[in-house]
Full PDB file with SEQRES, HELIX, SHEET, SSBOND, CRYST1, ORIGX, SCALE, CONECT and MASTER records, all heavy atoms in Angstrom:
SEQRES   1 A   39  ALA ALA ASN ARG VAL GLU SER ALA LEU GLY SER ALA VAL          
SEQRES   2 A   39  THR ARG THR ALA GLY ARG ARG LEU GLY ALA ALA ALA GLY          
SEQRES   3 A   39  ARG ALA GLY GLY LEU LEU VAL GLN PRO ALA VAL TRP VAL          
HELIX    1 AA1 ALA A    2  ALA A   17  1                                  16    
HELIX    2 AA2 ARG A   19  LEU A   31  1                                  13    
HELIX    3 AA3 VAL A   33  TRP A   38  1                                   6    
CRYST1    1.000    1.000    1.000  90.00  90.00  90.00 P 1           1          
ORIGX1      1.000000  0.000000  0.000000        0.00000                         
ORIGX2      0.000000  1.000000  0.000000        0.00000                         
ORIGX3      0.000000  0.000000  1.000000        0.00000                         
SCALE1      1.000000  0.000000  0.000000        0.00000                         
SCALE2      0.000000  1.000000  0.000000        0.00000                         
SCALE3      0.000000  0.000000  1.000000        0.00000                         
ATOM      1  N   ALA A   1       4.433  51.786  14.304  1.00  0.00           N  
ATOM      2  CA  ALA A   1       4.847  50.876  15.382  1.00  0.00           C  
ATOM      3  C   ALA A   1       5.827  51.558  16.323  1.00  0.00           C  
ATOM      4  O   ALA A   1       5.726  51.417  17.552  1.00  0.00           O  
ATOM      5  CB  ALA A   1       5.473  49.615  14.788  1.00  0.00           C  
ATOM      6  N   ALA A   2       6.775  52.312  15.781  1.00  0.00           N  
ATOM      7  CA  ALA A   2       7.754  53.004  16.622  1.00  0.00           C  
ATOM      8  C   ALA A   2       7.059  54.008  17.533  1.00  0.00           C  
ATOM      9  O   ALA A   2       7.380  54.108  18.728  1.00  0.00           O  
ATOM     10  CB  ALA A   2       8.808  53.700  15.755  1.00  0.00           C  
ATOM     11  N   ASN A   3       6.096  54.750  16.995  1.00  0.00           N  
ATOM     12  CA  ASN A   3       5.357  55.716  17.819  1.00  0.00           C  
ATOM     13  C   ASN A   3       4.562  55.019  18.917  1.00  0.00           C  
ATOM     14  O   ASN A   3       4.503  55.491  20.048  1.00  0.00           O  
ATOM     15  CB  ASN A   3       4.435  56.573  16.950  1.00  0.00           C  
ATOM     16  CG  ASN A   3       5.198  57.607  16.156  1.00  0.00           C  
ATOM     17  OD1 ASN A   3       6.244  58.074  16.575  1.00  0.00           O  
ATOM     18  ND2 ASN A   3       4.684  57.955  14.992  1.00  0.00           N  
ATOM     19  N   ARG A   4       3.956  53.885  18.582  1.00  0.00           N  
ATOM     20  CA  ARG A   4       3.173  53.150  19.599  1.00  0.00           C  
ATOM     21  C   ARG A   4       4.073  52.563  20.677  1.00  0.00           C  
ATOM     22  O   ARG A   4       3.737  52.613  21.856  1.00  0.00           O  
ATOM     23  CB  ARG A   4       2.345  52.068  18.924  1.00  0.00           C  
ATOM     24  CG  ARG A   4       1.221  52.680  18.128  1.00  0.00           C  
ATOM     25  CD  ARG A   4       0.166  51.706  17.817  1.00  0.00           C  
ATOM     26  NE  ARG A   4      -0.894  52.422  17.128  1.00  0.00           N  
ATOM     27  CZ  ARG A   4      -1.963  51.858  16.657  1.00  0.00           C  
ATOM     28  NH1 ARG A   4      -2.132  50.559  16.796  1.00  0.00           N  
ATOM     29  NH2 ARG A   4      -2.868  52.552  16.047  1.00  0.00           N  
ATOM     30  N   VAL A   5       5.208  51.989  20.272  1.00  0.00           N  
ATOM     31  CA  VAL A   5       6.151  51.437  21.260  1.00  0.00           C  
ATOM     32  C   VAL A   5       6.660  52.564  22.153  1.00  0.00           C  
ATOM     33  O   VAL A   5       6.725  52.424  23.374  1.00  0.00           O  
ATOM     34  CB  VAL A   5       7.328  50.708  20.553  1.00  0.00           C  
ATOM     35  CG1 VAL A   5       8.465  50.436  21.523  1.00  0.00           C  
ATOM     36  CG2 VAL A   5       6.849  49.418  19.921  1.00  0.00           C  
ATOM     37  N   GLU A   6       7.017  53.685  21.540  1.00  0.00           N  
ATOM     38  CA  GLU A   6       7.518  54.822  22.309  1.00  0.00           C  
ATOM     39  C   GLU A   6       6.475  55.293  23.321  1.00  0.00           C  
ATOM     40  O   GLU A   6       6.788  55.518  24.496  1.00  0.00           O  
ATOM     41  CB  GLU A   6       7.880  55.966  21.364  1.00  0.00           C  
ATOM     42  CG  GLU A   6       8.511  57.155  22.053  1.00  0.00           C  
ATOM     43  CD  GLU A   6       9.007  58.205  21.068  1.00  0.00           C  
ATOM     44  OE1 GLU A   6       9.300  57.866  19.912  1.00  0.00           O  
ATOM     45  OE2 GLU A   6       9.094  59.371  21.485  1.00  0.00           O  
ATOM     46  N   SER A   7       5.238  55.398  22.895  1.00  0.00           N  
ATOM     47  CA  SER A   7       4.172  55.857  23.783  1.00  0.00           C  
ATOM     48  C   SER A   7       3.891  54.858  24.904  1.00  0.00           C  
ATOM     49  O   SER A   7       3.814  55.220  26.077  1.00  0.00           O  
ATOM     50  CB  SER A   7       2.905  56.101  22.962  1.00  0.00           C  
ATOM     51  OG  SER A   7       1.848  56.469  23.798  1.00  0.00           O  
ATOM     52  N   ALA A   8       3.746  53.581  24.537  1.00  0.00           N  
ATOM     53  CA  ALA A   8       3.417  52.558  25.536  1.00  0.00           C  
ATOM     54  C   ALA A   8       4.545  52.370  26.543  1.00  0.00           C  
ATOM     55  O   ALA A   8       4.316  52.336  27.759  1.00  0.00           O  
ATOM     56  CB  ALA A   8       3.103  51.234  24.838  1.00  0.00           C  
ATOM     57  N   LEU A   9       5.772  52.239  26.052  1.00  0.00           N  
ATOM     58  CA  LEU A   9       6.908  52.034  26.937  1.00  0.00           C  
ATOM     59  C   LEU A   9       7.149  53.279  27.792  1.00  0.00           C  
ATOM     60  O   LEU A   9       7.415  53.180  28.999  1.00  0.00           O  
ATOM     61  CB  LEU A   9       8.157  51.692  26.118  1.00  0.00           C  
ATOM     62  CG  LEU A   9       9.391  51.246  26.881  1.00  0.00           C  
ATOM     63  CD1 LEU A   9       9.079  50.019  27.736  1.00  0.00           C  
ATOM     64  CD2 LEU A   9      10.523  50.929  25.920  1.00  0.00           C  
ATOM     65  N   GLY A  10       7.023  54.449  27.179  1.00  0.00           N  
ATOM     66  CA  GLY A  10       7.202  55.697  27.929  1.00  0.00           C  
ATOM     67  C   GLY A  10       6.189  55.818  29.054  1.00  0.00           C  
ATOM     68  O   GLY A  10       6.535  56.185  30.184  1.00  0.00           O  
ATOM     69  N   SER A  11       4.934  55.496  28.777  1.00  0.00           N  
ATOM     70  CA  SER A  11       3.884  55.571  29.808  1.00  0.00           C  
ATOM     71  C   SER A  11       4.136  54.571  30.928  1.00  0.00           C  
ATOM     72  O   SER A  11       3.986  54.889  32.115  1.00  0.00           O  
ATOM     73  CB  SER A  11       2.514  55.302  29.190  1.00  0.00           C  
ATOM     74  OG  SER A  11       2.187  56.302  28.271  1.00  0.00           O  
ATOM     75  N   ALA A  12       4.529  53.346  30.553  1.00  0.00           N  
ATOM     76  CA  ALA A  12       4.758  52.311  31.562  1.00  0.00           C  
ATOM     77  C   ALA A  12       5.916  52.680  32.487  1.00  0.00           C  
ATOM     78  O   ALA A  12       5.818  52.534  33.713  1.00  0.00           O  
ATOM     79  CB  ALA A  12       5.043  50.974  30.881  1.00  0.00           C  
ATOM     80  N   VAL A  13       7.008  53.164  31.924  1.00  0.00           N  
ATOM     81  CA  VAL A  13       8.172  53.521  32.745  1.00  0.00           C  
ATOM     82  C   VAL A  13       7.884  54.787  33.557  1.00  0.00           C  
ATOM     83  O   VAL A  13       8.313  54.903  34.710  1.00  0.00           O  
ATOM     84  CB  VAL A  13       9.437  53.679  31.866  1.00  0.00           C  
ATOM     85  CG1 VAL A  13      10.608  54.207  32.668  1.00  0.00           C  
ATOM     86  CG2 VAL A  13       9.793  52.352  31.213  1.00  0.00           C  
ATOM     87  N   THR A  14       7.133  55.725  32.979  1.00  0.00           N  
ATOM     88  CA  THR A  14       6.796  56.967  33.694  1.00  0.00           C  
ATOM     89  C   THR A  14       6.037  56.660  34.979  1.00  0.00           C  
ATOM     90  O   THR A  14       6.282  57.269  36.020  1.00  0.00           O  
ATOM     91  CB  THR A  14       5.961  57.901  32.790  1.00  0.00           C  
ATOM     92  OG1 THR A  14       6.763  58.266  31.676  1.00  0.00           O  
ATOM     93  CG2 THR A  14       5.519  59.156  33.534  1.00  0.00           C  
ATOM     94  N   ARG A  15       5.122  55.712  34.919  1.00  0.00           N  
ATOM     95  CA  ARG A  15       4.332  55.351  36.108  1.00  0.00           C  
ATOM     96  C   ARG A  15       5.198  54.834  37.245  1.00  0.00           C  
ATOM     97  O   ARG A  15       4.899  55.027  38.409  1.00  0.00           O  
ATOM     98  CB  ARG A  15       3.282  54.298  35.745  1.00  0.00           C  
ATOM     99  CG  ARG A  15       2.074  54.870  35.023  1.00  0.00           C  
ATOM    100  CD  ARG A  15       0.950  53.864  34.965  1.00  0.00           C  
ATOM    101  NE  ARG A  15       1.266  52.706  34.135  1.00  0.00           N  
ATOM    102  CZ  ARG A  15       1.030  52.620  32.837  1.00  0.00           C  
ATOM    103  NH1 ARG A  15       0.479  53.629  32.200  1.00  0.00           N  
ATOM    104  NH2 ARG A  15       1.350  51.538  32.167  1.00  0.00           N  
ATOM    105  N   THR A  16       6.300  54.169  36.896  1.00  0.00           N  
ATOM    106  CA  THR A  16       7.122  53.573  37.954  1.00  0.00           C  
ATOM    107  C   THR A  16       8.402  54.339  38.260  1.00  0.00           C  
ATOM    108  O   THR A  16       8.879  54.318  39.388  1.00  0.00           O  
ATOM    109  CB  THR A  16       7.515  52.124  37.569  1.00  0.00           C  
ATOM    110  OG1 THR A  16       8.218  52.154  36.333  1.00  0.00           O  
ATOM    111  CG2 THR A  16       6.296  51.244  37.461  1.00  0.00           C  
ATOM    112  N   ALA A  17       8.985  55.008  37.251  1.00  0.00           N  
ATOM    113  CA  ALA A  17      10.298  55.609  37.472  1.00  0.00           C  
ATOM    114  C   ALA A  17      10.363  57.111  37.231  1.00  0.00           C  
ATOM    115  O   ALA A  17      11.403  57.710  37.454  1.00  0.00           O  
ATOM    116  CB  ALA A  17      11.325  54.919  36.582  1.00  0.00           C  
ATOM    117  N   GLY A  18       9.321  57.704  36.739  1.00  0.00           N  
ATOM    118  CA  GLY A  18       9.346  59.147  36.521  1.00  0.00           C  
ATOM    119  C   GLY A  18       9.295  59.532  35.062  1.00  0.00           C  
ATOM    120  O   GLY A  18       9.554  58.733  34.172  1.00  0.00           O  
ATOM    121  N   ARG A  19       8.948  60.794  34.864  1.00  0.00           N  
ATOM    122  CA  ARG A  19       8.699  61.305  33.528  1.00  0.00           C  
ATOM    123  C   ARG A  19       9.933  61.289  32.620  1.00  0.00           C  
ATOM    124  O   ARG A  19       9.860  60.871  31.467  1.00  0.00           O  
ATOM    125  CB  ARG A  19       8.185  62.733  33.666  1.00  0.00           C  
ATOM    126  CG  ARG A  19       7.792  63.358  32.374  1.00  0.00           C  
ATOM    127  CD  ARG A  19       7.358  64.762  32.600  1.00  0.00           C  
ATOM    128  NE  ARG A  19       6.090  64.973  31.942  1.00  0.00           N  
ATOM    129  CZ  ARG A  19       5.407  66.069  32.022  1.00  0.00           C  
ATOM    130  NH1 ARG A  19       5.835  67.049  32.778  1.00  0.00           N  
ATOM    131  NH2 ARG A  19       4.286  66.205  31.375  1.00  0.00           N  
ATOM    132  N   ARG A  20      11.077  61.752  33.117  1.00  0.00           N  
ATOM    133  CA  ARG A  20      12.281  61.811  32.281  1.00  0.00           C  
ATOM    134  C   ARG A  20      12.732  60.424  31.836  1.00  0.00           C  
ATOM    135  O   ARG A  20      13.057  60.205  30.674  1.00  0.00           O  
ATOM    136  CB  ARG A  20      13.419  62.483  33.054  1.00  0.00           C  
ATOM    137  CG  ARG A  20      13.422  63.954  32.898  1.00  0.00           C  
ATOM    138  CD  ARG A  20      14.832  64.424  33.163  1.00  0.00           C  
ATOM    139  NE  ARG A  20      14.993  65.676  32.496  1.00  0.00           N  
ATOM    140  CZ  ARG A  20      15.547  66.715  33.042  1.00  0.00           C  
ATOM    141  NH1 ARG A  20      16.033  66.645  34.258  1.00  0.00           N  
ATOM    142  NH2 ARG A  20      15.659  67.823  32.378  1.00  0.00           N  
ATOM    143  N   LEU A  21      12.786  59.510  32.779  1.00  0.00           N  
ATOM    144  CA  LEU A  21      13.215  58.149  32.463  1.00  0.00           C  
ATOM    145  C   LEU A  21      12.212  57.484  31.520  1.00  0.00           C  
ATOM    146  O   LEU A  21      12.591  56.749  30.609  1.00  0.00           O  
ATOM    147  CB  LEU A  21      13.380  57.324  33.742  1.00  0.00           C  
ATOM    148  CG  LEU A  21      14.089  55.987  33.580  1.00  0.00           C  
ATOM    149  CD1 LEU A  21      15.460  56.174  32.951  1.00  0.00           C  
ATOM    150  CD2 LEU A  21      14.226  55.309  34.929  1.00  0.00           C  
ATOM    151  N   GLY A  22      10.930  57.771  31.713  1.00  0.00           N  
ATOM    152  CA  GLY A  22       9.902  57.220  30.837  1.00  0.00           C  
ATOM    153  C   GLY A  22      10.063  57.700  29.405  1.00  0.00           C  
ATOM    154  O   GLY A  22       9.946  56.927  28.454  1.00  0.00           O  
ATOM    155  N   ALA A  23      10.333  58.998  29.232  1.00  0.00           N  
ATOM    156  CA  ALA A  23      10.517  59.544  27.888  1.00  0.00           C  
ATOM    157  C   ALA A  23      11.741  58.933  27.215  1.00  0.00           C  
ATOM    158  O   ALA A  23      11.701  58.565  26.034  1.00  0.00           O  
ATOM    159  CB  ALA A  23      10.654  61.062  27.951  1.00  0.00           C  
ATOM    160  N   ALA A  24      12.824  58.802  27.966  1.00  0.00           N  
ATOM    161  CA  ALA A  24      14.054  58.218  27.408  1.00  0.00           C  
ATOM    162  C   ALA A  24      13.837  56.755  27.031  1.00  0.00           C  
ATOM    163  O   ALA A  24      14.260  56.307  25.959  1.00  0.00           O  
ATOM    164  CB  ALA A  24      15.202  58.349  28.406  1.00  0.00           C  
ATOM    165  N   ALA A  25      13.165  55.999  27.902  1.00  0.00           N  
ATOM    166  CA  ALA A  25      12.896  54.583  27.630  1.00  0.00           C  
ATOM    167  C   ALA A  25      11.996  54.441  26.404  1.00  0.00           C  
ATOM    168  O   ALA A  25      12.200  53.564  25.565  1.00  0.00           O  
ATOM    169  CB  ALA A  25      12.265  53.914  28.839  1.00  0.00           C  
ATOM    170  N   GLY A  26      10.991  55.319  26.303  1.00  0.00           N  
ATOM    171  CA  GLY A  26      10.089  55.278  25.149  1.00  0.00           C  
ATOM    172  C   GLY A  26      10.821  55.527  23.855  1.00  0.00           C  
ATOM    173  O   GLY A  26      10.636  54.813  22.871  1.00  0.00           O  
ATOM    174  N   ARG A  27      11.683  56.557  23.833  1.00  0.00           N  
ATOM    175  CA  ARG A  27      12.441  56.859  22.617  1.00  0.00           C  
ATOM    176  C   ARG A  27      13.365  55.699  22.246  1.00  0.00           C  
ATOM    177  O   ARG A  27      13.467  55.320  21.083  1.00  0.00           O  
ATOM    178  CB  ARG A  27      13.243  58.143  22.795  1.00  0.00           C  
ATOM    179  CG  ARG A  27      12.380  59.398  22.707  1.00  0.00           C  
ATOM    180  CD  ARG A  27      13.220  60.656  22.542  1.00  0.00           C  
ATOM    181  NE  ARG A  27      14.149  60.868  23.632  1.00  0.00           N  
ATOM    182  CZ  ARG A  27      13.896  61.578  24.715  1.00  0.00           C  
ATOM    183  NH1 ARG A  27      12.720  62.147  24.879  1.00  0.00           N  
ATOM    184  NH2 ARG A  27      14.809  61.731  25.649  1.00  0.00           N  
ATOM    185  N   ALA A  28      14.039  55.131  23.232  1.00  0.00           N  
ATOM    186  CA  ALA A  28      14.951  54.009  22.968  1.00  0.00           C  
ATOM    187  C   ALA A  28      14.181  52.812  22.404  1.00  0.00           C  
ATOM    188  O   ALA A  28      14.630  52.161  21.456  1.00  0.00           O  
ATOM    189  CB  ALA A  28      15.692  53.620  24.240  1.00  0.00           C  
ATOM    190  N   GLY A  29      13.028  52.529  22.978  1.00  0.00           N  
ATOM    191  CA  GLY A  29      12.206  51.421  22.474  1.00  0.00           C  
ATOM    192  C   GLY A  29      11.752  51.659  21.050  1.00  0.00           C  
ATOM    193  O   GLY A  29      11.767  50.751  20.208  1.00  0.00           O  
ATOM    194  N   GLY A  30      11.350  52.908  20.755  1.00  0.00           N  
ATOM    195  CA  GLY A  30      10.921  53.242  19.401  1.00  0.00           C  
ATOM    196  C   GLY A  30      12.029  53.080  18.380  1.00  0.00           C  
ATOM    197  O   GLY A  30      11.792  52.677  17.238  1.00  0.00           O  
ATOM    198  N   LEU A  31      13.266  53.371  18.776  1.00  0.00           N  
ATOM    199  CA  LEU A  31      14.405  53.246  17.859  1.00  0.00           C  
ATOM    200  C   LEU A  31      14.725  51.793  17.511  1.00  0.00           C  
ATOM    201  O   LEU A  31      15.369  51.522  16.504  1.00  0.00           O  
ATOM    202  CB  LEU A  31      15.645  53.907  18.463  1.00  0.00           C  
ATOM    203  CG  LEU A  31      15.596  55.430  18.579  1.00  0.00           C  
ATOM    204  CD1 LEU A  31      16.835  55.943  19.308  1.00  0.00           C  
ATOM    205  CD2 LEU A  31      15.470  56.074  17.214  1.00  0.00           C  
ATOM    206  N   LEU A  32      14.279  50.855  18.337  1.00  0.00           N  
ATOM    207  CA  LEU A  32      14.585  49.446  18.094  1.00  0.00           C  
ATOM    208  C   LEU A  32      13.640  48.796  17.086  1.00  0.00           C  
ATOM    209  O   LEU A  32      13.889  47.686  16.632  1.00  0.00           O  
ATOM    210  CB  LEU A  32      14.542  48.672  19.416  1.00  0.00           C  
ATOM    211  CG  LEU A  32      15.606  49.078  20.435  1.00  0.00           C  
ATOM    212  CD1 LEU A  32      15.418  48.303  21.727  1.00  0.00           C  
ATOM    213  CD2 LEU A  32      17.004  48.862  19.878  1.00  0.00           C  
ATOM    214  N   VAL A  33      12.547  49.485  16.733  1.00  0.00           N  
ATOM    215  CA  VAL A  33      11.571  48.885  15.830  1.00  0.00           C  
ATOM    216  C   VAL A  33      12.160  48.638  14.439  1.00  0.00           C  
ATOM    217  O   VAL A  33      12.040  47.547  13.898  1.00  0.00           O  
ATOM    218  CB  VAL A  33      10.290  49.746  15.738  1.00  0.00           C  
ATOM    219  CG1 VAL A  33       9.346  49.218  14.668  1.00  0.00           C  
ATOM    220  CG2 VAL A  33       9.588  49.793  17.093  1.00  0.00           C  
ATOM    221  N   GLN A  34      12.830  49.632  13.840  1.00  0.00           N  
ATOM    222  CA  GLN A  34      13.360  49.467  12.481  1.00  0.00           C  
ATOM    223  C   GLN A  34      14.390  48.337  12.395  1.00  0.00           C  
ATOM    224  O   GLN A  34      14.278  47.491  11.508  1.00  0.00           O  
ATOM    225  CB  GLN A  34      13.965  50.777  11.968  1.00  0.00           C  
ATOM    226  CG  GLN A  34      14.524  50.673  10.555  1.00  0.00           C  
ATOM    227  CD  GLN A  34      13.451  50.414   9.513  1.00  0.00           C  
ATOM    228  OE1 GLN A  34      12.593  51.244   9.298  1.00  0.00           O  
ATOM    229  NE2 GLN A  34      13.492  49.262   8.868  1.00  0.00           N  
ATOM    230  N   PRO A  35      15.393  48.269  13.294  1.00  0.00           N  
ATOM    231  CA  PRO A  35      16.311  47.132  13.208  1.00  0.00           C  
ATOM    232  C   PRO A  35      15.602  45.788  13.378  1.00  0.00           C  
ATOM    233  O   PRO A  35      15.971  44.802  12.737  1.00  0.00           O  
ATOM    234  CB  PRO A  35      17.299  47.385  14.359  1.00  0.00           C  
ATOM    235  CG  PRO A  35      17.249  48.863  14.575  1.00  0.00           C  
ATOM    236  CD  PRO A  35      15.837  49.257  14.275  1.00  0.00           C  
ATOM    237  N   ALA A  36      14.566  45.744  14.212  1.00  0.00           N  
ATOM    238  CA  ALA A  36      13.815  44.496  14.383  1.00  0.00           C  
ATOM    239  C   ALA A  36      13.133  44.100  13.077  1.00  0.00           C  
ATOM    240  O   ALA A  36      13.125  42.919  12.701  1.00  0.00           O  
ATOM    241  CB  ALA A  36      12.778  44.652  15.496  1.00  0.00           C  
ATOM    242  N   VAL A  37      12.591  45.074  12.350  1.00  0.00           N  
ATOM    243  CA  VAL A  37      11.955  44.785  11.065  1.00  0.00           C  
ATOM    244  C   VAL A  37      12.987  44.262  10.071  1.00  0.00           C  
ATOM    245  O   VAL A  37      12.728  43.315   9.334  1.00  0.00           O  
ATOM    246  CB  VAL A  37      11.229  46.034  10.510  1.00  0.00           C  
ATOM    247  CG1 VAL A  37      10.790  45.836   9.066  1.00  0.00           C  
ATOM    248  CG2 VAL A  37      10.033  46.377  11.385  1.00  0.00           C  
ATOM    249  N   TRP A  38      14.177  44.859  10.041  1.00  0.00           N  
ATOM    250  CA  TRP A  38      15.222  44.368   9.141  1.00  0.00           C  
ATOM    251  C   TRP A  38      15.571  42.915   9.454  1.00  0.00           C  
ATOM    252  O   TRP A  38      15.769  42.111   8.553  1.00  0.00           O  
ATOM    253  CB  TRP A  38      16.473  45.237   9.235  1.00  0.00           C  
ATOM    254  CG  TRP A  38      16.333  46.590   8.605  1.00  0.00           C  
ATOM    255  CD1 TRP A  38      15.561  46.917   7.525  1.00  0.00           C  
ATOM    256  CD2 TRP A  38      16.990  47.797   8.997  1.00  0.00           C  
ATOM    257  NE1 TRP A  38      15.702  48.250   7.236  1.00  0.00           N  
ATOM    258  CE2 TRP A  38      16.569  48.828   8.107  1.00  0.00           C  
ATOM    259  CE3 TRP A  38      17.884  48.119   9.996  1.00  0.00           C  
ATOM    260  CZ2 TRP A  38      17.021  50.129   8.206  1.00  0.00           C  
ATOM    261  CZ3 TRP A  38      18.344  49.427  10.083  1.00  0.00           C  
ATOM    262  CH2 TRP A  38      17.906  50.414   9.204  1.00  0.00           C  
ATOM    263  N   VAL A  39      15.652  42.584  10.736  1.00  0.00           N  
ATOM    264  CA  VAL A  39      15.987  41.214  11.128  1.00  0.00           C  
ATOM    265  C   VAL A  39      14.855  40.258  10.761  1.00  0.00           C  
ATOM    266  O   VAL A  39      15.078  39.193  10.170  1.00  0.00           O  
ATOM    267  CB  VAL A  39      16.297  41.127  12.644  1.00  0.00           C  
ATOM    268  CG1 VAL A  39      16.383  39.694  13.101  1.00  0.00           C  
ATOM    269  CG2 VAL A  39      17.593  41.875  12.945  1.00  0.00           C  
TER     270      VAL A  39                                                      
MASTER        0    0    0    3    0    0    0    6  269    1    0    3          
END                                                                             
């Protein structure tokens, strides 16, 4: 799930804001998966 969120969010942000911001957004989104599962 983290890899899919990272890929999907990264691609979506890359299309609108650029490659660097897309990669950062994807990684941040992927990191939120584990805490969400704990909750």
